[in-house]
Amino acid sequence: MKSIQEDDIKDKTDEIFKEALRLVKPVIERDFRPCNLDKHLETVLYDLSYKSAIKVLRNERYIRLEIGVFYASELARSLSKRYGKDFCHYLKMALDNAWIEGYTWNR
């Protein structure tokens, strides 16, 4: 197994996190910010960026975090329409129940 330095993990985490934020910015502004969940999403994305950085540095695979964010947002929207509950309720549920991580890691 490849030896990984903590500085390398931090640098790669920051790189992945910034890129993920750039890619999901429209979704954050449209969905998460109006629900006051943008900071919660950023925390989740940073944690997932850290896990992804370790995988990348071990030459395993790159994890596309933005796909999980898009999935969680659209699933929350669909459930909101289907059951007539508040969209923000399902978006918070997505963050609290690791829908982003579950979808991202299973692809």
N, C-alpha and C. Protein backbone atom coordinates (compact mmCIF):
# COMPACT_ATOMS: atom_id res chain seq x y z
N MET A 1 0.84 -1.18 0.00
CA MET A 1 0.00 0.00 0.00
C MET A 1 0.89 1.24 0.00
N LYS A 2 0.48 2.21 -0.75
CA LYS A 2 1.23 3.46 -0.87
C LYS A 2 1.18 4.25 0.44
N SER A 3 2.33 4.75 0.88
CA SER A 3 2.40 5.57 2.08
C SER A 3 1.87 6.97 1.76
N ILE A 4 0.97 7.45 2.61
CA ILE A 4 0.35 8.74 2.36
C ILE A 4 0.70 9.68 3.51
N GLN A 5 1.14 10.87 3.15
CA GLN A 5 1.47 11.89 4.15
C GLN A 5 0.24 12.74 4.44
N GLU A 6 0.14 13.19 5.67
CA GLU A 6 -1.00 14.02 6.08
C GLU A 6 -1.12 15.30 5.26
N ASP A 7 0.02 15.91 4.90
CA ASP A 7 0.00 17.12 4.07
C ASP A 7 -0.57 16.83 2.69
N ASP A 8 -0.22 15.67 2.14
CA ASP A 8 -0.75 15.28 0.83
C ASP A 8 -2.27 15.10 0.89
N ILE A 9 -2.74 14.49 1.98
CA ILE A 9 -4.18 14.29 2.14
C ILE A 9 -4.88 15.63 2.23
N LYS A 10 -4.34 16.54 3.01
CA LYS A 10 -4.95 17.87 3.19
C LYS A 10 -5.01 18.62 1.86
N ASP A 11 -3.90 18.61 1.12
CA ASP A 11 -3.86 19.30 -0.18
C ASP A 11 -4.87 18.71 -1.15
N LYS A 12 -4.93 17.38 -1.23
CA LYS A 12 -5.85 16.71 -2.15
C LYS A 12 -7.30 16.93 -1.71
N THR A 13 -7.54 16.91 -0.39
CA THR A 13 -8.88 17.17 0.13
C THR A 13 -9.35 18.56 -0.28
N ASP A 14 -8.49 19.55 -0.10
CA ASP A 14 -8.84 20.92 -0.46
C ASP A 14 -9.13 21.04 -1.95
N GLU A 15 -8.32 20.38 -2.76
CA GLU A 15 -8.50 20.41 -4.21
C GLU A 15 -9.85 19.80 -4.61
N ILE A 16 -10.15 18.64 -4.07
CA ILE A 16 -11.41 17.96 -4.39
C ILE A 16 -12.60 18.77 -3.89
N PHE A 17 -12.48 19.31 -2.69
CA PHE A 17 -13.56 20.10 -2.09
C PHE A 17 -13.86 21.34 -2.92
N LYS A 18 -12.83 22.07 -3.32
CA LYS A 18 -13.03 23.28 -4.13
C LYS A 18 -13.68 22.96 -5.47
N GLU A 19 -13.24 21.88 -6.08
CA GLU A 19 -13.81 21.49 -7.37
C GLU A 19 -15.27 21.06 -7.21
N ALA A 20 -15.57 20.31 -6.17
CA ALA A 20 -16.95 19.88 -5.93
C ALA A 20 -17.85 21.10 -5.69
N LEU A 21 -17.37 22.05 -4.87
CA LEU A 21 -18.16 23.27 -4.62
C LEU A 21 -18.40 24.04 -5.91
N ARG A 22 -17.39 24.12 -6.75
CA ARG A 22 -17.54 24.83 -8.02
C ARG A 22 -18.61 24.17 -8.88
N LEU A 23 -18.61 22.86 -8.92
CA LEU A 23 -19.55 22.14 -9.77
C LEU A 23 -20.98 22.16 -9.24
N VAL A 24 -21.15 22.22 -7.93
CA VAL A 24 -22.50 22.18 -7.37
C VAL A 24 -23.01 23.57 -6.95
N LYS A 25 -22.27 24.60 -7.26
CA LYS A 25 -22.67 25.96 -6.87
C LYS A 25 -24.11 26.30 -7.28
N PRO A 26 -24.53 25.99 -8.51
CA PRO A 26 -25.93 26.31 -8.87
C PRO A 26 -26.95 25.57 -8.01
N VAL A 27 -26.65 24.33 -7.65
CA VAL A 27 -27.56 23.54 -6.81
C VAL A 27 -27.57 24.10 -5.39
N ILE A 28 -26.43 24.52 -4.90
CA ILE A 28 -26.37 25.13 -3.57
C ILE A 28 -27.24 26.38 -3.54
N GLU A 29 -27.07 27.23 -4.54
CA GLU A 29 -27.81 28.49 -4.57
C GLU A 29 -29.31 28.28 -4.78
N ARG A 30 -29.67 27.30 -5.60
CA ARG A 30 -31.08 27.06 -5.91
C ARG A 30 -31.80 26.29 -4.80
N ASP A 31 -31.13 25.30 -4.21
CA ASP A 31 -31.81 24.38 -3.29
C ASP A 31 -31.37 24.50 -1.83
N PHE A 32 -30.08 24.42 -1.60
CA PHE A 32 -29.59 24.32 -0.22
C PHE A 32 -29.60 25.65 0.52
N ARG A 33 -29.20 26.74 -0.13
CA ARG A 33 -29.16 28.04 0.55
C ARG A 33 -30.55 28.52 0.97
N PRO A 34 -31.58 28.43 0.13
CA PRO A 34 -32.91 28.86 0.58
C PRO A 34 -33.44 28.05 1.77
N CYS A 35 -32.95 26.84 1.93
CA CYS A 35 -33.35 26.00 3.07
C CYS A 35 -32.40 26.16 4.26
N ASN A 36 -31.45 27.08 4.11
CA ASN A 36 -30.44 27.32 5.15
C ASN A 36 -29.63 26.05 5.45
N LEU A 37 -29.32 25.29 4.40
CA LEU A 37 -28.57 24.05 4.54
C LEU A 37 -27.23 24.09 3.81
N ASP A 38 -26.84 25.26 3.32
CA ASP A 38 -25.61 25.36 2.54
C ASP A 38 -24.38 25.03 3.39
N LYS A 39 -24.33 25.48 4.63
CA LYS A 39 -23.17 25.19 5.49
C LYS A 39 -23.13 23.71 5.87
N HIS A 40 -24.32 23.14 6.09
CA HIS A 40 -24.39 21.71 6.39
C HIS A 40 -23.86 20.90 5.20
N LEU A 41 -24.27 21.29 4.00
CA LEU A 41 -23.78 20.61 2.79
C LEU A 41 -22.27 20.75 2.67
N GLU A 42 -21.73 21.93 2.93
CA GLU A 42 -20.28 22.12 2.84
C GLU A 42 -19.54 21.22 3.81
N THR A 43 -20.07 21.04 5.01
CA THR A 43 -19.46 20.14 5.99
C THR A 43 -19.46 18.70 5.47
N VAL A 44 -20.59 18.28 4.93
CA VAL A 44 -20.70 16.93 4.37
C VAL A 44 -19.72 16.76 3.21
N LEU A 45 -19.67 17.74 2.32
CA LEU A 45 -18.76 17.66 1.17
C LEU A 45 -17.30 17.63 1.60
N TYR A 46 -16.95 18.39 2.62
CA TYR A 46 -15.55 18.37 3.06
C TYR A 46 -15.18 17.00 3.63
N ASP A 47 -16.06 16.42 4.41
CA ASP A 47 -15.81 15.08 4.95
C ASP A 47 -15.66 14.05 3.83
N LEU A 48 -16.53 14.15 2.84
CA LEU A 48 -16.45 13.22 1.71
C LEU A 48 -15.22 13.50 0.84
N SER A 49 -14.81 14.75 0.77
CA SER A 49 -13.59 15.10 0.03
C SER A 49 -12.38 14.47 0.69
N TYR A 50 -12.37 14.45 2.00
CA TYR A 50 -11.27 13.82 2.74
C TYR A 50 -11.20 12.32 2.42
N LYS A 51 -12.35 11.65 2.48
CA LYS A 51 -12.38 10.22 2.17
C LYS A 51 -11.97 9.97 0.72
N SER A 52 -12.44 10.83 -0.17
CA SER A 52 -12.09 10.70 -1.58
C SER A 52 -10.60 10.92 -1.81
N ALA A 53 -10.02 11.89 -1.10
CA ALA A 53 -8.59 12.18 -1.24
C ALA A 53 -7.75 10.97 -0.90
N ILE A 54 -8.12 10.28 0.15
CA ILE A 54 -7.37 9.08 0.54
C ILE A 54 -7.45 8.03 -0.57
N LYS A 55 -8.64 7.85 -1.14
CA LYS A 55 -8.79 6.87 -2.23
C LYS A 55 -7.94 7.27 -3.44
N VAL A 56 -7.97 8.53 -3.79
CA VAL A 56 -7.19 9.01 -4.94
C VAL A 56 -5.70 8.82 -4.70
N LEU A 57 -5.24 9.18 -3.52
CA LEU A 57 -3.81 9.06 -3.21
C LEU A 57 -3.36 7.60 -3.13
N ARG A 58 -4.28 6.71 -2.88
CA ARG A 58 -3.96 5.28 -2.88
C ARG A 58 -4.11 4.68 -4.28
N ASN A 59 -4.37 5.53 -5.25
CA ASN A 59 -4.57 5.13 -6.64
C ASN A 59 -5.75 4.17 -6.80
N GLU A 60 -6.77 4.38 -5.98
CA GLU A 60 -7.96 3.53 -6.09
C GLU A 60 -8.88 4.11 -7.16
N ARG A 61 -9.68 5.11 -6.80
CA ARG A 61 -10.55 5.73 -7.79
C ARG A 61 -10.97 7.11 -7.32
N TYR A 62 -11.33 7.92 -8.28
CA TYR A 62 -11.81 9.26 -7.98
C TYR A 62 -13.31 9.19 -7.76
N ILE A 63 -13.77 9.81 -6.70
CA ILE A 63 -15.18 9.81 -6.35
C ILE A 63 -15.81 11.11 -6.84
N ARG A 64 -16.87 11.01 -7.62
CA ARG A 64 -17.55 12.19 -8.16
C ARG A 64 -18.62 12.66 -7.18
N LEU A 65 -18.23 13.52 -6.26
CA LEU A 65 -19.13 13.99 -5.21
C LEU A 65 -20.31 14.78 -5.74
N GLU A 66 -20.08 15.52 -6.82
CA GLU A 66 -21.16 16.36 -7.34
C GLU A 66 -22.35 15.54 -7.81
N ILE A 67 -22.11 14.34 -8.28
CA ILE A 67 -23.21 13.49 -8.74
C ILE A 67 -24.12 13.13 -7.57
N GLY A 68 -23.52 12.86 -6.42
CA GLY A 68 -24.31 12.57 -5.22
C GLY A 68 -25.15 13.75 -4.78
N VAL A 69 -24.60 14.97 -4.91
CA VAL A 69 -25.36 16.17 -4.54
C VAL A 69 -26.54 16.36 -5.48
N PHE A 70 -26.30 16.19 -6.79
CA PHE A 70 -27.39 16.32 -7.76
C PHE A 70 -28.48 15.28 -7.48
N TYR A 71 -28.06 14.06 -7.20
CA TYR A 71 -29.00 12.97 -6.91
C TYR A 71 -29.84 13.29 -5.68
N ALA A 72 -29.19 13.70 -4.59
CA ALA A 72 -29.89 13.99 -3.34
C ALA A 72 -30.90 15.11 -3.53
N SER A 73 -30.50 16.14 -4.26
CA SER A 73 -31.38 17.28 -4.49
C SER A 73 -32.61 16.86 -5.31
N GLU A 74 -32.41 16.11 -6.36
CA GLU A 74 -33.53 15.70 -7.21
C GLU A 74 -34.43 14.68 -6.51
N LEU A 75 -33.83 13.80 -5.70
CA LEU A 75 -34.65 12.85 -4.95
C LEU A 75 -35.49 13.59 -3.91
N ALA A 76 -34.91 14.57 -3.25
CA ALA A 76 -35.66 15.38 -2.27
C ALA A 76 -36.82 16.10 -2.97
N ARG A 77 -36.57 16.64 -4.15
CA ARG A 77 -37.61 17.34 -4.91
C ARG A 77 -38.74 16.37 -5.29
N SER A 78 -38.36 15.20 -5.74
CA SER A 78 -39.34 14.19 -6.15
C SER A 78 -40.19 13.73 -4.96
N LEU A 79 -39.55 13.46 -3.83
CA LEU A 79 -40.29 13.03 -2.64
C LEU A 79 -41.21 14.13 -2.12
N SER A 80 -40.75 15.37 -2.22
CA SER A 80 -41.57 16.50 -1.79
C SER A 80 -42.84 16.58 -2.61
N LYS A 81 -42.72 16.42 -3.91
CA LYS A 81 -43.90 16.47 -4.79
C LYS A 81 -44.80 15.26 -4.55
N ARG A 82 -44.19 14.11 -4.39
CA ARG A 82 -44.96 12.88 -4.23
C ARG A 82 -45.78 12.86 -2.94
N TYR A 83 -45.15 13.28 -1.84
CA TYR A 83 -45.82 13.18 -0.54
C TYR A 83 -46.34 14.50 0.00
N GLY A 84 -46.13 15.58 -0.75
CA GLY A 84 -46.67 16.86 -0.34
C GLY A 84 -46.02 17.48 0.89
N LYS A 85 -44.80 17.06 1.19
CA LYS A 85 -44.08 17.65 2.32
C LYS A 85 -43.10 18.69 1.81
N ASP A 86 -42.62 19.49 2.74
CA ASP A 86 -41.69 20.55 2.42
C ASP A 86 -40.38 20.00 1.81
N PHE A 87 -39.95 20.62 0.72
CA PHE A 87 -38.72 20.23 0.04
C PHE A 87 -37.52 20.27 0.99
N CYS A 88 -37.45 21.31 1.82
CA CYS A 88 -36.32 21.46 2.75
C CYS A 88 -36.26 20.30 3.76
N HIS A 89 -37.41 19.77 4.11
CA HIS A 89 -37.47 18.61 5.01
C HIS A 89 -36.68 17.44 4.40
N TYR A 90 -36.93 17.17 3.14
CA TYR A 90 -36.25 16.05 2.48
C TYR A 90 -34.79 16.36 2.19
N LEU A 91 -34.47 17.60 1.92
CA LEU A 91 -33.08 17.98 1.69
C LEU A 91 -32.27 17.79 2.98
N LYS A 92 -32.84 18.17 4.10
CA LYS A 92 -32.17 17.96 5.39
C LYS A 92 -32.03 16.47 5.66
N MET A 93 -33.06 15.72 5.33
CA MET A 93 -33.02 14.27 5.51
C MET A 93 -31.88 13.67 4.67
N ALA A 94 -31.71 14.20 3.47
CA ALA A 94 -30.64 13.72 2.60
C ALA A 94 -29.27 13.92 3.24
N LEU A 95 -29.08 15.08 3.86
CA LEU A 95 -27.80 15.37 4.51
C LEU A 95 -27.62 14.55 5.79
N ASP A 96 -28.67 14.45 6.57
CA ASP A 96 -28.58 13.73 7.85
C ASP A 96 -28.43 12.23 7.68
N ASN A 97 -28.97 11.70 6.59
CA ASN A 97 -28.96 10.25 6.39
C ASN A 97 -27.98 9.78 5.31
N ALA A 98 -27.04 10.63 4.97
CA ALA A 98 -25.93 10.28 4.08
C ALA A 98 -26.37 9.79 2.70
N TRP A 99 -27.42 10.42 2.13
CA TRP A 99 -27.84 10.05 0.78
C TRP A 99 -26.73 10.35 -0.22
N ILE A 100 -26.04 11.45 -0.03
CA ILE A 100 -24.97 11.82 -0.97
C ILE A 100 -23.87 10.79 -0.94
N GLU A 101 -23.43 10.45 0.24
CA GLU A 101 -22.36 9.45 0.38
C GLU A 101 -22.81 8.10 -0.16
N GLY A 102 -24.02 7.68 0.19
CA GLY A 102 -24.52 6.39 -0.26
C GLY A 102 -24.58 6.31 -1.77
N TYR A 103 -25.09 7.33 -2.40
CA TYR A 103 -25.18 7.32 -3.86
C TYR A 103 -23.81 7.41 -4.51
N THR A 104 -22.95 8.27 -3.98
CA THR A 104 -21.64 8.49 -4.55
C THR A 104 -20.77 7.24 -4.48
N TRP A 105 -20.74 6.62 -3.33
CA TRP A 105 -19.85 5.47 -3.14
C TRP A 105 -20.35 4.21 -3.81
N ASN A 106 -21.63 4.15 -4.16
CA ASN A 106 -22.18 2.96 -4.79
C ASN A 106 -22.19 3.02 -6.31
N ARG A 107 -21.53 4.00 -6.86
CA ARG A 107 -21.45 4.13 -8.33
C ARG A 107 -20.12 3.69 -8.80
